[in-house]
Amino acid sequence: MIIPVRCFTCGKLIGDKWEEYKKAVSSGKNPAEVLDALGITRYCCRRMFLSHLELIDEILEYHAYRQGRIKDKIKK
């Protein structure tokens, strides 16, 4: 959902680098080079970035559906 603040394995602080990583990768840069530039060298920390899925937007849609905000839009 949201990138963790620290790596699950080693505890290194990684949450503050997520936005930079996301911008660089979306602009077309190689993820490995971006991680090297950010100083993410441990494989446990690198997997946190490479395997992360941004699901918060999808989950918020279900929450809005349960609240009744989207039900009206679907019926129309």
PDB file of N, CA and C in Angstrom:
ATOM      1  N   MET A   1       0.833  -1.187   0.000  1.00  0.00           N
ATOM      2  CA  MET A   1       0.000   0.000   0.000  1.00  0.00           C
ATOM      3  C   MET A   1       0.875   1.248   0.000  1.00  0.00           C
ATOM      4  N   ILE A   2       1.447   1.570   1.126  1.00  0.00           N
ATOM      5  CA  ILE A   2       2.334   2.721   1.236  1.00  0.00           C
ATOM      6  C   ILE A   2       3.718   2.182   1.535  1.00  0.00           C
ATOM      7  N   ILE A   3       4.730   2.763   0.917  1.00  0.00           N
ATOM      8  CA  ILE A   3       6.095   2.280   1.138  1.00  0.00           C
ATOM      9  C   ILE A   3       6.439   2.372   2.623  1.00  0.00           C
ATOM     10  N   PRO A   4       6.998   1.312   3.182  1.00  0.00           N
ATOM     11  CA  PRO A   4       7.356   1.346   4.608  1.00  0.00           C
ATOM     12  C   PRO A   4       8.450   2.379   4.888  1.00  0.00           C
ATOM     13  N   VAL A   5       8.489   2.884   6.094  1.00  0.00           N
ATOM     14  CA  VAL A   5       9.494   3.867   6.477  1.00  0.00           C
ATOM     15  C   VAL A   5      10.872   3.214   6.532  1.00  0.00           C
ATOM     16  N   ARG A   6      10.927   2.002   7.034  1.00  0.00           N
ATOM     17  CA  ARG A   6      12.186   1.281   7.161  1.00  0.00           C
ATOM     18  C   ARG A   6      12.108  -0.057   6.442  1.00  0.00           C
ATOM     19  N   CYS A   7      13.274  -0.545   6.039  1.00  0.00           N
ATOM     20  CA  CYS A   7      13.377  -1.866   5.413  1.00  0.00           C
ATOM     21  C   CYS A   7      12.963  -2.916   6.440  1.00  0.00           C
ATOM     22  N   PHE A   8      12.177  -3.890   6.012  1.00  0.00           N
ATOM     23  CA  PHE A   8      11.710  -4.929   6.929  1.00  0.00           C
ATOM     24  C   PHE A   8      12.858  -5.778   7.468  1.00  0.00           C
ATOM     25  N   THR A   9      13.907  -5.980   6.675  1.00  0.00           N
ATOM     26  CA  THR A   9      14.974  -6.885   7.061  1.00  0.00           C
ATOM     27  C   THR A   9      16.057  -6.211   7.887  1.00  0.00           C
ATOM     28  N   CYS A  10      16.621  -5.115   7.369  1.00  0.00           N
ATOM     29  CA  CYS A  10      17.775  -4.512   8.037  1.00  0.00           C
ATOM     30  C   CYS A  10      17.433  -3.265   8.844  1.00  0.00           C
ATOM     31  N   GLY A  11      16.289  -2.670   8.616  1.00  0.00           N
ATOM     32  CA  GLY A  11      15.884  -1.502   9.381  1.00  0.00           C
ATOM     33  C   GLY A  11      16.391  -0.173   8.849  1.00  0.00           C
ATOM     34  N   LYS A  12      17.021  -0.186   7.674  1.00  0.00           N
ATOM     35  CA  LYS A  12      17.532   1.061   7.096  1.00  0.00           C
ATOM     36  C   LYS A  12      16.370   1.966   6.688  1.00  0.00           C
ATOM     37  N   LEU A  13      16.532   3.252   6.861  1.00  0.00           N
ATOM     38  CA  LEU A  13      15.522   4.235   6.504  1.00  0.00           C
ATOM     39  C   LEU A  13      15.416   4.331   4.977  1.00  0.00           C
ATOM     40  N   ILE A  14      14.227   4.018   4.428  1.00  0.00           N
ATOM     41  CA  ILE A  14      14.052   4.033   2.978  1.00  0.00           C
ATOM     42  C   ILE A  14      12.836   4.838   2.532  1.00  0.00           C
ATOM     43  N   GLY A  15      11.938   5.137   3.426  1.00  0.00           N
ATOM     44  CA  GLY A  15      10.690   5.805   3.062  1.00  0.00           C
ATOM     45  C   GLY A  15      10.879   7.187   2.478  1.00  0.00           C
ATOM     46  N   ASP A  16      11.943   7.868   2.874  1.00  0.00           N
ATOM     47  CA  ASP A  16      12.167   9.225   2.392  1.00  0.00           C
ATOM     48  C   ASP A  16      12.687   9.268   0.963  1.00  0.00           C
ATOM     49  N   LYS A  17      13.081   8.142   0.419  1.00  0.00           N
ATOM     50  CA  LYS A  17      13.629   8.087  -0.937  1.00  0.00           C
ATOM     51  C   LYS A  17      12.606   7.643  -1.978  1.00  0.00           C
ATOM     52  N   TRP A  18      11.415   7.281  -1.548  1.00  0.00           N
ATOM     53  CA  TRP A  18      10.408   6.733  -2.455  1.00  0.00           C
ATOM     54  C   TRP A  18       9.979   7.720  -3.537  1.00  0.00           C
ATOM     55  N   GLU A  19       9.706   8.949  -3.174  1.00  0.00           N
ATOM     56  CA  GLU A  19       9.229   9.930  -4.161  1.00  0.00           C
ATOM     57  C   GLU A  19      10.274  10.181  -5.248  1.00  0.00           C
ATOM     58  N   GLU A  20      11.531  10.306  -4.859  1.00  0.00           N
ATOM     59  CA  GLU A  20      12.599  10.498  -5.848  1.00  0.00           C
ATOM     60  C   GLU A  20      12.692   9.293  -6.776  1.00  0.00           C
ATOM     61  N   TYR A  21      12.624   8.110  -6.205  1.00  0.00           N
ATOM     62  CA  TYR A  21      12.690   6.877  -6.995  1.00  0.00           C
ATOM     63  C   TYR A  21      11.523   6.813  -7.980  1.00  0.00           C
ATOM     64  N   LYS A  22      10.335   7.103  -7.490  1.00  0.00           N
ATOM     65  CA  LYS A  22       9.136   7.023  -8.320  1.00  0.00           C
ATOM     66  C   LYS A  22       9.201   8.009  -9.495  1.00  0.00           C
ATOM     67  N   LYS A  23       9.643   9.238  -9.230  1.00  0.00           N
ATOM     68  CA  LYS A  23       9.759  10.236 -10.296  1.00  0.00           C
ATOM     69  C   LYS A  23      10.784   9.832 -11.334  1.00  0.00           C
ATOM     70  N   ALA A  24      11.930   9.337 -10.883  1.00  0.00           N
ATOM     71  CA  ALA A  24      13.001   8.973 -11.809  1.00  0.00           C
ATOM     72  C   ALA A  24      12.609   7.781 -12.680  1.00  0.00           C
ATOM     73  N   VAL A  25      11.988   6.788 -12.088  1.00  0.00           N
ATOM     74  CA  VAL A  25      11.588   5.600 -12.855  1.00  0.00           C
ATOM     75  C   VAL A  25      10.457   5.934 -13.824  1.00  0.00           C
ATOM     76  N   SER A  26       9.533   6.779 -13.411  1.00  0.00           N
ATOM     77  CA  SER A  26       8.435   7.148 -14.314  1.00  0.00           C
ATOM     78  C   SER A  26       8.919   8.011 -15.476  1.00  0.00           C
ATOM     79  N   SER A  27      10.054   8.683 -15.299  1.00  0.00           N
ATOM     80  CA  SER A  27      10.612   9.471 -16.400  1.00  0.00           C
ATOM     81  C   SER A  27      11.414   8.612 -17.370  1.00  0.00           C
ATOM     82  N   GLY A  28      11.576   7.325 -17.064  1.00  0.00           N
ATOM     83  CA  GLY A  28      12.201   6.410 -18.010  1.00  0.00           C
ATOM     84  C   GLY A  28      13.587   5.932 -17.634  1.00  0.00           C
ATOM     85  N   LYS A  29      14.070   6.273 -16.474  1.00  0.00           N
ATOM     86  CA  LYS A  29      15.404   5.841 -16.064  1.00  0.00           C
ATOM     87  C   LYS A  29      15.368   4.388 -15.601  1.00  0.00           C
ATOM     88  N   ASN A  30      16.519   3.748 -15.667  1.00  0.00           N
ATOM     89  CA  ASN A  30      16.669   2.367 -15.245  1.00  0.00           C
ATOM     90  C   ASN A  30      16.570   2.290 -13.721  1.00  0.00           C
ATOM     91  N   PRO A  31      15.695   1.428 -13.185  1.00  0.00           N
ATOM     92  CA  PRO A  31      15.539   1.343 -11.726  1.00  0.00           C
ATOM     93  C   PRO A  31      16.832   1.011 -10.985  1.00  0.00           C
ATOM     94  N   ALA A  32      17.671   0.170 -11.553  1.00  0.00           N
ATOM     95  CA  ALA A  32      18.930  -0.188 -10.895  1.00  0.00           C
ATOM     96  C   ALA A  32      19.842   1.029 -10.753  1.00  0.00           C
ATOM     97  N   GLU A  33      19.901   1.843 -11.784  1.00  0.00           N
ATOM     98  CA  GLU A  33      20.739   3.047 -11.732  1.00  0.00           C
ATOM     99  C   GLU A  33      20.178   4.063 -10.742  1.00  0.00           C
ATOM    100  N   VAL A  34      18.875   4.172 -10.669  1.00  0.00           N
ATOM    101  CA  VAL A  34      18.241   5.104  -9.740  1.00  0.00           C
ATOM    102  C   VAL A  34      18.529   4.680  -8.301  1.00  0.00           C
ATOM    103  N   LEU A  35      18.395   3.391  -8.014  1.00  0.00           N
ATOM    104  CA  LEU A  35      18.684   2.903  -6.671  1.00  0.00           C
ATOM    105  C   LEU A  35      20.146   3.115  -6.291  1.00  0.00           C
ATOM    106  N   ASP A  36      21.048   2.917  -7.238  1.00  0.00           N
ATOM    107  CA  ASP A  36      22.465   3.180  -6.978  1.00  0.00           C
ATOM    108  C   ASP A  36      22.692   4.650  -6.666  1.00  0.00           C
ATOM    109  N   ALA A  37      22.059   5.528  -7.417  1.00  0.00           N
ATOM    110  CA  ALA A  37      22.220   6.967  -7.202  1.00  0.00           C
ATOM    111  C   ALA A  37      21.649   7.403  -5.849  1.00  0.00           C
ATOM    112  N   LEU A  38      20.596   6.741  -5.390  1.00  0.00           N
ATOM    113  CA  LEU A  38      19.992   7.074  -4.102  1.00  0.00           C
ATOM    114  C   LEU A  38      20.739   6.459  -2.919  1.00  0.00           C
ATOM    115  N   GLY A  39      21.709   5.589  -3.202  1.00  0.00           N
ATOM    116  CA  GLY A  39      22.479   4.966  -2.133  1.00  0.00           C
ATOM    117  C   GLY A  39      21.836   3.725  -1.555  1.00  0.00           C
ATOM    118  N   ILE A  40      20.901   3.140  -2.283  1.00  0.00           N
ATOM    119  CA  ILE A  40      20.247   1.907  -1.843  1.00  0.00           C
ATOM    120  C   ILE A  40      21.062   0.753  -2.428  1.00  0.00           C
ATOM    121  N   THR A  41      21.953   0.175  -1.615  1.00  0.00           N
ATOM    122  CA  THR A  41      22.864  -0.846  -2.119  1.00  0.00           C
ATOM    123  C   THR A  41      22.545  -2.247  -1.610  1.00  0.00           C
ATOM    124  N   ARG A  42      21.921  -2.365  -0.468  1.00  0.00           N
ATOM    125  CA  ARG A  42      21.603  -3.688   0.076  1.00  0.00           C
ATOM    126  C   ARG A  42      20.454  -4.309  -0.706  1.00  0.00           C
ATOM    127  N   TYR A  43      20.569  -5.598  -0.965  1.00  0.00           N
ATOM    128  CA  TYR A  43      19.533  -6.252  -1.768  1.00  0.00           C
ATOM    129  C   TYR A  43      18.193  -6.305  -1.048  1.00  0.00           C
ATOM    130  N   CYS A  44      18.214  -6.316   0.289  1.00  0.00           N
ATOM    131  CA  CYS A  44      16.940  -6.344   1.012  1.00  0.00           C
ATOM    132  C   CYS A  44      16.204  -5.012   0.844  1.00  0.00           C
ATOM    133  N   CYS A  45      16.946  -3.924   0.838  1.00  0.00           N
ATOM    134  CA  CYS A  45      16.330  -2.606   0.647  1.00  0.00           C
ATOM    135  C   CYS A  45      15.883  -2.418  -0.805  1.00  0.00           C
ATOM    136  N   ARG A  46      16.676  -2.915  -1.729  1.00  0.00           N
ATOM    137  CA  ARG A  46      16.327  -2.792  -3.147  1.00  0.00           C
ATOM    138  C   ARG A  46      15.036  -3.530  -3.461  1.00  0.00           C
ATOM    139  N   ARG A  47      14.840  -4.687  -2.816  1.00  0.00           N
ATOM    140  CA  ARG A  47      13.604  -5.434  -3.077  1.00  0.00           C
ATOM    141  C   ARG A  47      12.388  -4.679  -2.576  1.00  0.00           C
ATOM    142  N   MET A  48      12.570  -3.861  -1.528  1.00  0.00           N
ATOM    143  CA  MET A  48      11.453  -3.069  -1.008  1.00  0.00           C
ATOM    144  C   MET A  48      10.953  -2.101  -2.078  1.00  0.00           C
ATOM    145  N   PHE A  49      11.878  -1.532  -2.841  1.00  0.00           N
ATOM    146  CA  PHE A  49      11.501  -0.602  -3.910  1.00  0.00           C
ATOM    147  C   PHE A  49      10.985  -1.345  -5.135  1.00  0.00           C
ATOM    148  N   LEU A  50      11.684  -2.388  -5.538  1.00  0.00           N
ATOM    149  CA  LEU A  50      11.340  -3.075  -6.777  1.00  0.00           C
ATOM    150  C   LEU A  50      10.046  -3.868  -6.688  1.00  0.00           C
ATOM    151  N   SER A  51       9.702  -4.344  -5.505  1.00  0.00           N
ATOM    152  CA  SER A  51       8.503  -5.178  -5.380  1.00  0.00           C
ATOM    153  C   SER A  51       7.292  -4.420  -4.845  1.00  0.00           C
ATOM    154  N   HIS A  52       7.444  -3.140  -4.582  1.00  0.00           N
ATOM    155  CA  HIS A  52       6.349  -2.364  -4.010  1.00  0.00           C
ATOM    156  C   HIS A  52       5.285  -2.050  -5.058  1.00  0.00           C
ATOM    157  N   LEU A  53       4.026  -2.249  -4.689  1.00  0.00           N
ATOM    158  CA  LEU A  53       2.891  -1.889  -5.535  1.00  0.00           C
ATOM    159  C   LEU A  53       2.119  -0.775  -4.857  1.00  0.00           C
ATOM    160  N   GLU A  54       1.783   0.234  -5.611  1.00  0.00           N
ATOM    161  CA  GLU A  54       1.038   1.371  -5.077  1.00  0.00           C
ATOM    162  C   GLU A  54      -0.455   1.048  -5.148  1.00  0.00           C
ATOM    163  N   LEU A  55      -1.011   0.535  -4.064  1.00  0.00           N
ATOM    164  CA  LEU A  55      -2.400   0.087  -4.026  1.00  0.00           C
ATOM    165  C   LEU A  55      -3.336   1.035  -3.299  1.00  0.00           C
ATOM    166  N   ILE A  56      -2.817   2.093  -2.734  1.00  0.00           N
ATOM    167  CA  ILE A  56      -3.641   2.961  -1.896  1.00  0.00           C
ATOM    168  C   ILE A  56      -4.808   3.568  -2.675  1.00  0.00           C
ATOM    169  N   ASP A  57      -4.582   3.930  -3.936  1.00  0.00           N
ATOM    170  CA  ASP A  57      -5.659   4.525  -4.735  1.00  0.00           C
ATOM    171  C   ASP A  57      -6.793   3.526  -4.979  1.00  0.00           C
ATOM    172  N   GLU A  58      -6.447   2.262  -5.215  1.00  0.00           N
ATOM    173  CA  GLU A  58      -7.477   1.241  -5.431  1.00  0.00           C
ATOM    174  C   GLU A  58      -8.252   0.963  -4.145  1.00  0.00           C
ATOM    175  N   ILE A  59      -7.570   0.936  -3.041  1.00  0.00           N
ATOM    176  CA  ILE A  59      -8.228   0.672  -1.765  1.00  0.00           C
ATOM    177  C   ILE A  59      -9.171   1.816  -1.407  1.00  0.00           C
ATOM    178  N   LEU A  60      -8.786   3.028  -1.702  1.00  0.00           N
ATOM    179  CA  LEU A  60      -9.650   4.167  -1.411  1.00  0.00           C
ATOM    180  C   LEU A  60     -10.951   4.118  -2.206  1.00  0.00           C
ATOM    181  N   GLU A  61     -10.903   3.550  -3.417  1.00  0.00           N
ATOM    182  CA  GLU A  61     -12.134   3.407  -4.199  1.00  0.00           C
ATOM    183  C   GLU A  61     -13.113   2.462  -3.498  1.00  0.00           C
ATOM    184  N   TYR A  62     -12.617   1.377  -2.920  1.00  0.00           N
ATOM    185  CA  TYR A  62     -13.486   0.444  -2.207  1.00  0.00           C
ATOM    186  C   TYR A  62     -14.056   1.087  -0.949  1.00  0.00           C
ATOM    187  N   HIS A  63     -13.245   1.882  -0.304  1.00  0.00           N
ATOM    188  CA  HIS A  63     -13.732   2.580   0.886  1.00  0.00           C
ATOM    189  C   HIS A  63     -14.857   3.552   0.504  1.00  0.00           C
ATOM    190  N   ALA A  64     -14.656   4.271  -0.581  1.00  0.00           N
ATOM    191  CA  ALA A  64     -15.687   5.205  -1.033  1.00  0.00           C
ATOM    192  C   ALA A  64     -16.949   4.450  -1.444  1.00  0.00           C
ATOM    193  N   TYR A  65     -16.782   3.271  -2.032  1.00  0.00           N
ATOM    194  CA  TYR A  65     -17.934   2.460  -2.426  1.00  0.00           C
ATOM    195  C   TYR A  65     -18.736   2.033  -1.196  1.00  0.00           C
ATOM    196  N   ARG A  66     -18.020   1.627  -0.159  1.00  0.00           N
ATOM    197  CA  ARG A  66     -18.702   1.203   1.068  1.00  0.00           C
ATOM    198  C   ARG A  66     -19.381   2.380   1.754  1.00  0.00           C
ATOM    199  N   GLN A  67     -18.859   3.562   1.574  1.00  0.00           N
ATOM    200  CA  GLN A  67     -19.456   4.750   2.173  1.00  0.00           C
ATOM    201  C   GLN A  67     -20.690   5.203   1.396  1.00  0.00           C
ATOM    202  N   GLY A  68     -20.879   4.709   0.179  1.00  0.00           N
ATOM    203  CA  GLY A  68     -22.046   5.048  -0.607  1.00  0.00           C
ATOM    204  C   GLY A  68     -21.810   6.183  -1.588  1.00  0.00           C
ATOM    205  N   ARG A  69     -20.588   6.652  -1.709  1.00  0.00           N
ATOM    206  CA  ARG A  69     -20.311   7.764  -2.616  1.00  0.00           C
ATOM    207  C   ARG A  69     -20.236   7.329  -4.065  1.00  0.00           C
ATOM    208  N   ILE A  70     -19.860   6.094  -4.323  1.00  0.00           N
ATOM    209  CA  ILE A  70     -19.713   5.649  -5.704  1.00  0.00           C
ATOM    210  C   ILE A  70     -20.961   4.901  -6.153  1.00  0.00           C
ATOM    211  N   LYS A  71     -21.755   4.379  -5.278  1.00  0.00           N
ATOM    212  CA  LYS A  71     -22.953   3.620  -5.648  1.00  0.00           C
ATOM    213  C   LYS A  71     -23.876   4.445  -6.531  1.00  0.00           C
ATOM    214  N   ASP A  72     -24.010   5.706  -6.211  1.00  0.00           N
ATOM    215  CA  ASP A  72     -24.882   6.577  -7.006  1.00  0.00           C
ATOM    216  C   ASP A  72     -24.331   6.769  -8.410  1.00  0.00           C
ATOM    217  N   LYS A  73     -23.029   6.835  -8.542  1.00  0.00           N
ATOM    218  CA  LYS A  73     -22.407   7.026  -9.852  1.00  0.00           C
ATOM    219  C   LYS A  73     -22.555   5.772 -10.715  1.00  0.00           C
ATOM    220  N   ILE A  74     -22.509   4.590 -10.096  1.00  0.00           N
ATOM    221  CA  ILE A  74     -22.634   3.331 -10.833  1.00  0.00           C
ATOM    222  C   ILE A  74     -24.050   3.152 -11.349  1.00  0.00           C
ATOM    223  N   LYS A  75     -25.061   3.519 -10.572  1.00  0.00           N
ATOM    224  CA  LYS A  75     -26.461   3.345 -10.973  1.00  0.00           C
ATOM    225  C   LYS A  75     -26.835   4.209 -12.148  1.00  0.00           C
ATOM    226  N   LYS A  76     -26.173   5.356 -12.289  1.00  0.00           N
ATOM    227  CA  LYS A  76     -26.509   6.274 -13.384  1.00  0.00           C
ATOM    228  C   LYS A  76     -25.885   5.830 -14.627  1.00  0.00           C
TER     229      LYS A  76
END
